[in-house]
N, C-alpha and C. Protein backbone atom coordinates (compact mmCIF):
# COMPACT_ATOMS: atom_id res chain seq x y z
N MET A 1 11.16 -30.09 27.86
CA MET A 1 10.23 -30.89 27.21
C MET A 1 10.55 -31.01 25.88
N LYS A 2 10.45 -32.39 24.92
CA LYS A 2 10.84 -32.47 23.90
C LYS A 2 9.57 -32.32 22.67
N LYS A 3 9.94 -31.43 21.60
CA LYS A 3 9.00 -31.46 20.73
C LYS A 3 8.41 -32.77 20.16
N ASP A 4 7.20 -32.96 19.90
CA ASP A 4 6.82 -34.33 19.58
C ASP A 4 6.07 -34.01 18.07
N LYS A 5 6.75 -33.02 17.27
CA LYS A 5 6.07 -32.92 15.94
C LYS A 5 7.34 -32.37 15.36
N ILE A 6 7.70 -33.04 13.71
CA ILE A 6 8.52 -32.55 13.06
C ILE A 6 8.40 -31.34 12.12
N LYS A 7 9.11 -30.43 12.25
CA LYS A 7 8.95 -29.35 11.21
C LYS A 7 9.19 -29.66 9.83
N ILE A 8 7.99 -29.86 8.86
CA ILE A 8 8.15 -30.13 7.21
C ILE A 8 8.44 -28.70 6.66
N VAL A 9 9.61 -28.78 6.01
CA VAL A 9 9.95 -27.71 5.11
C VAL A 9 9.84 -27.88 3.62
N ASP A 10 9.13 -27.15 3.06
CA ASP A 10 8.99 -27.36 1.30
C ASP A 10 8.46 -28.45 0.84
N GLU A 11 7.71 -29.16 1.76
CA GLU A 11 7.12 -30.26 1.21
C GLU A 11 5.88 -30.15 0.01
N GLN A 12 6.15 -30.83 -0.78
CA GLN A 12 5.55 -31.07 -2.13
C GLN A 12 4.19 -31.74 -1.73
N LEU A 13 2.76 -31.15 -2.01
CA LEU A 13 1.74 -31.91 -2.13
C LEU A 13 1.05 -32.11 -3.28
N ASN A 14 0.40 -33.44 -3.48
CA ASN A 14 -0.42 -33.23 -4.48
C ASN A 14 -1.60 -32.71 -4.59
N GLU A 15 -2.50 -32.43 -5.76
CA GLU A 15 -3.45 -31.82 -5.80
C GLU A 15 -4.43 -31.97 -4.88
N ASP A 16 -4.96 -32.96 -4.36
CA ASP A 16 -5.82 -33.51 -3.30
C ASP A 16 -5.62 -32.75 -1.82
N GLY A 17 -4.19 -32.61 -1.66
CA GLY A 17 -3.68 -31.88 -0.44
C GLY A 17 -3.92 -30.65 -0.49
N ILE A 18 -3.61 -30.05 -1.60
CA ILE A 18 -3.52 -28.40 -1.91
C ILE A 18 -5.26 -27.96 -1.82
N ARG A 19 -6.24 -29.24 -2.52
CA ARG A 19 -7.24 -28.75 -2.55
C ARG A 19 -7.94 -28.66 -1.20
N CYS A 20 -7.34 -29.25 -0.25
CA CYS A 20 -7.90 -29.72 1.09
C CYS A 20 -7.95 -27.90 1.88
N PHE A 21 -7.25 -27.10 1.26
CA PHE A 21 -7.12 -25.68 1.71
C PHE A 21 -8.65 -25.06 1.53
N LEU A 22 -9.30 -25.59 0.04
CA LEU A 22 -10.27 -24.58 -0.14
C LEU A 22 -11.53 -24.98 0.54
N ASN A 23 -11.29 -26.04 1.81
CA ASN A 23 -12.31 -26.42 2.62
C ASN A 23 -12.40 -25.68 3.94
N LYS A 24 -11.40 -24.91 4.04
CA LYS A 24 -10.84 -24.00 5.58
C LYS A 24 -12.36 -23.27 5.69
N ARG A 25 -12.98 -23.08 6.49
CA ARG A 25 -13.93 -22.20 6.90
C ARG A 25 -13.85 -21.32 8.10
N PRO A 26 -14.15 -19.87 8.26
CA PRO A 26 -13.96 -19.22 9.35
C PRO A 26 -15.09 -19.57 10.40
N ALA A 27 -14.67 -19.36 11.81
CA ALA A 27 -15.44 -19.67 12.92
C ALA A 27 -16.02 -18.11 13.17
N ASP A 28 -15.43 -17.35 12.79
CA ASP A 28 -15.77 -15.87 13.10
C ASP A 28 -16.67 -15.19 12.73
N GLY A 29 -16.93 -15.58 11.34
CA GLY A 29 -18.16 -14.74 10.48
C GLY A 29 -17.33 -13.87 9.59
N SER A 30 -15.94 -14.10 9.72
CA SER A 30 -15.37 -13.11 8.44
C SER A 30 -15.23 -13.77 7.34
N SER A 31 -14.78 -12.79 6.39
CA SER A 31 -14.92 -13.33 4.74
C SER A 31 -14.31 -14.75 4.58
N GLU A 32 -15.05 -15.42 4.04
CA GLU A 32 -14.56 -17.09 3.60
C GLU A 32 -13.34 -16.84 2.93
N ASP A 33 -13.36 -16.22 1.64
CA ASP A 33 -12.49 -16.14 0.74
C ASP A 33 -11.27 -15.72 1.59
N PHE A 34 -11.25 -14.77 2.10
CA PHE A 34 -9.90 -14.19 2.84
C PHE A 34 -9.56 -15.19 3.66
N HIS A 35 -10.38 -15.60 4.78
CA HIS A 35 -9.73 -16.75 5.47
C HIS A 35 -9.34 -17.98 4.75
N ILE A 36 -9.53 -18.42 3.79
CA ILE A 36 -9.07 -19.59 3.02
C ILE A 36 -7.83 -19.05 2.45
N LEU A 37 -7.84 -18.20 1.69
CA LEU A 37 -6.68 -17.52 1.23
C LEU A 37 -5.12 -17.48 2.39
N LEU A 38 -5.63 -17.16 3.54
CA LEU A 38 -4.71 -16.89 4.40
C LEU A 38 -4.14 -18.09 5.20
N LYS A 39 -4.98 -19.15 5.22
CA LYS A 39 -4.57 -20.09 5.50
C LYS A 39 -3.68 -21.01 4.60
N ALA A 40 -3.99 -20.84 3.34
CA ALA A 40 -3.24 -21.48 2.47
C ALA A 40 -1.69 -20.49 2.22
N TYR A 41 -1.99 -19.43 2.62
CA TYR A 41 -0.39 -18.62 2.29
C TYR A 41 0.06 -19.42 3.59
N ARG A 42 -0.22 -19.30 4.77
CA ARG A 42 0.14 -19.73 5.93
C ARG A 42 0.91 -21.16 6.02
N GLY A 43 0.32 -22.12 5.42
CA GLY A 43 0.55 -23.26 5.10
C GLY A 43 1.16 -24.13 3.76
N LEU A 44 1.34 -23.03 2.90
CA LEU A 44 1.76 -23.72 1.49
C LEU A 44 2.83 -23.04 1.29
N ASN A 45 3.75 -23.62 0.78
CA ASN A 45 5.18 -23.48 0.04
C ASN A 45 4.69 -22.41 -1.34
N GLU A 46 5.67 -21.87 -1.91
CA GLU A 46 5.53 -21.13 -3.25
C GLU A 46 4.85 -21.82 -4.32
N GLU A 47 5.32 -22.83 -4.32
CA GLU A 47 4.91 -23.76 -5.77
C GLU A 47 3.36 -24.30 -5.56
N ASN A 48 2.80 -24.71 -4.06
CA ASN A 48 1.76 -25.26 -3.92
C ASN A 48 1.00 -24.17 -3.81
N PHE A 49 1.52 -23.09 -3.42
CA PHE A 49 0.56 -21.89 -3.32
C PHE A 49 0.11 -21.55 -4.87
N ALA A 50 0.92 -21.44 -5.56
CA ALA A 50 0.49 -21.04 -6.93
C ALA A 50 -0.63 -22.10 -7.52
N THR A 51 -0.43 -23.37 -7.36
CA THR A 51 -1.35 -24.44 -7.60
C THR A 51 -2.84 -23.80 -7.04
N PHE A 52 -2.73 -24.04 -5.44
CA PHE A 52 -3.78 -23.30 -4.68
C PHE A 52 -4.61 -22.22 -5.46
N ILE A 53 -3.96 -20.98 -5.80
CA ILE A 53 -4.58 -20.03 -6.42
C ILE A 53 -5.10 -20.69 -7.60
N SER A 54 -4.57 -21.03 -8.25
CA SER A 54 -5.60 -21.66 -9.87
C SER A 54 -6.76 -22.31 -9.34
N LEU A 55 -6.46 -23.31 -8.19
CA LEU A 55 -7.85 -24.00 -7.83
C LEU A 55 -9.03 -23.05 -7.33
N PHE A 56 -8.37 -22.09 -6.59
CA PHE A 56 -8.96 -21.19 -5.70
C PHE A 56 -10.02 -20.07 -6.80
N LYS A 57 -9.22 -19.86 -8.03
CA LYS A 57 -9.92 -18.82 -8.89
C LYS A 57 -10.93 -19.55 -9.81
N GLY A 58 -10.33 -21.09 -9.96
CA GLY A 58 -11.18 -21.81 -10.55
C GLY A 58 -12.62 -22.12 -9.92
N GLU A 59 -12.59 -22.04 -8.74
CA GLU A 59 -13.85 -22.06 -7.97
C GLU A 59 -14.87 -20.56 -7.93
N GLY A 60 -14.03 -19.56 -8.67
CA GLY A 60 -14.95 -18.26 -8.73
C GLY A 60 -14.67 -17.41 -7.64
N ARG A 61 -13.61 -17.82 -6.84
CA ARG A 61 -13.32 -17.19 -5.34
C ARG A 61 -12.68 -15.96 -5.85
N SER A 62 -12.67 -14.90 -5.19
CA SER A 62 -11.66 -13.45 -4.95
C SER A 62 -10.65 -13.56 -4.36
N THR A 63 -9.42 -13.45 -5.21
CA THR A 63 -8.33 -13.04 -4.49
C THR A 63 -8.00 -11.83 -4.12
N SER A 64 -9.20 -10.71 -3.90
CA SER A 64 -8.97 -9.51 -3.74
C SER A 64 -10.06 -9.36 -2.20
N ALA A 65 -10.46 -10.38 -1.84
CA ALA A 65 -11.54 -10.49 -0.46
C ALA A 65 -10.79 -9.75 0.76
N LEU A 66 -11.25 -9.01 1.60
CA LEU A 66 -10.97 -8.39 2.68
C LEU A 66 -11.24 -8.83 3.98
N ASN A 67 -10.23 -8.66 4.86
CA ASN A 67 -10.24 -9.01 6.36
C ASN A 67 -11.31 -8.11 7.00
N LYS A 68 -11.85 -8.11 8.27
CA LYS A 68 -12.23 -7.00 8.94
C LYS A 68 -11.63 -5.77 8.95
N THR A 69 -10.66 -5.62 8.72
CA THR A 69 -9.93 -4.32 8.66
C THR A 69 -9.87 -3.67 7.44
N GLY A 70 -10.41 -4.45 6.57
CA GLY A 70 -10.47 -3.66 5.19
C GLY A 70 -8.96 -4.19 4.24
N GLU A 71 -8.22 -4.95 5.00
CA GLU A 71 -6.86 -5.18 4.29
C GLU A 71 -7.03 -6.67 3.43
N SER A 72 -6.41 -6.74 2.19
CA SER A 72 -6.46 -8.04 1.53
C SER A 72 -4.90 -8.66 1.54
N LEU A 73 -5.57 -10.03 1.38
CA LEU A 73 -4.12 -10.58 1.43
C LEU A 73 -2.94 -9.95 0.91
N TYR A 74 -3.22 -9.21 -0.25
CA TYR A 74 -1.99 -8.75 -0.94
C TYR A 74 -1.57 -7.72 -0.12
N ASP A 75 -2.19 -7.10 0.34
CA ASP A 75 -1.79 -5.66 1.26
C ASP A 75 -0.89 -6.33 2.30
N ILE A 76 -1.13 -7.35 2.98
CA ILE A 76 -0.68 -8.12 3.96
C ILE A 76 0.59 -8.39 3.87
N VAL A 77 0.98 -9.43 2.56
CA VAL A 77 1.76 -10.17 2.33
C VAL A 77 2.92 -9.05 1.84
N LYS A 78 2.61 -8.36 1.01
CA LYS A 78 3.78 -7.40 0.33
C LYS A 78 4.45 -6.63 1.31
N LYS A 79 4.11 -6.61 2.59
CA LYS A 79 4.80 -6.19 4.05
C LYS A 79 5.90 -7.13 4.11
N HIS A 80 6.05 -8.39 3.96
CA HIS A 80 6.81 -9.60 4.55
C HIS A 80 7.99 -9.76 3.45
N LYS A 81 9.10 -9.88 4.13
CA LYS A 81 10.22 -10.24 3.24
C LYS A 81 9.98 -11.50 2.76
N LYS A 82 10.84 -11.62 1.81
CA LYS A 82 11.07 -12.84 0.78
C LYS A 82 9.20 -13.19 0.46
N SER A 83 8.65 -12.42 0.12
CA SER A 83 7.13 -12.58 -0.33
C SER A 83 6.98 -12.30 -1.99
N ALA A 84 7.87 -12.24 -2.36
CA ALA A 84 7.73 -11.53 -3.81
C ALA A 84 6.86 -12.51 -4.58
N ALA A 85 7.37 -14.02 -4.33
CA ALA A 85 6.32 -14.93 -5.60
C ALA A 85 4.94 -15.10 -5.15
N TYR A 86 4.85 -14.79 -3.83
CA TYR A 86 3.27 -14.68 -3.19
C TYR A 86 2.58 -13.44 -3.75
N THR A 87 3.13 -12.65 -3.43
CA THR A 87 2.47 -11.03 -3.89
C THR A 87 2.44 -11.15 -5.48
N LYS A 88 3.37 -11.46 -6.57
CA LYS A 88 3.06 -11.71 -7.39
C LYS A 88 1.64 -12.66 -8.29
N LEU A 89 1.45 -13.85 -7.45
CA LEU A 89 0.17 -14.51 -7.42
C LEU A 89 -0.87 -13.69 -7.10
N LEU A 90 -0.98 -12.80 -5.92
CA LEU A 90 -2.09 -12.22 -5.39
C LEU A 90 -2.37 -11.10 -5.70
N ALA A 91 -1.52 -10.35 -6.65
CA ALA A 91 -1.34 -9.11 -7.27
C ALA A 91 -2.72 -8.66 -7.91
N PRO A 92 -3.66 -7.62 -7.34
CA PRO A 92 -4.71 -7.28 -8.30
C PRO A 92 -4.66 -7.19 -9.99
N GLU A 93 -5.41 -7.35 -10.42
CA GLU A 93 -5.65 -7.65 -12.09
C GLU A 93 -5.61 -6.07 -12.52
N SER A 94 -5.12 -5.84 -13.47
CA SER A 94 -5.34 -4.22 -14.09
C SER A 94 -6.04 -4.44 -15.27
């Protein structure tokens, strides 16, 4: 069977396209902030994610939000290879 979708790599979105990720809501009652962060991490390249984090924080949202098992997105992402740019953006402020 032939794939019907083309994979787009490193697509540069405008601010409105990035802002759409702020509207993602969990269906299972989990932390809204964590869910939004996870969707953005999975869907945005590094440059777009940096813009997203700025917008996210500008809305007063928390990058330290936890999932149902008590992990932040930073805790999860730091285990991934090639995630240095993302972990830098998600690192807890001291």
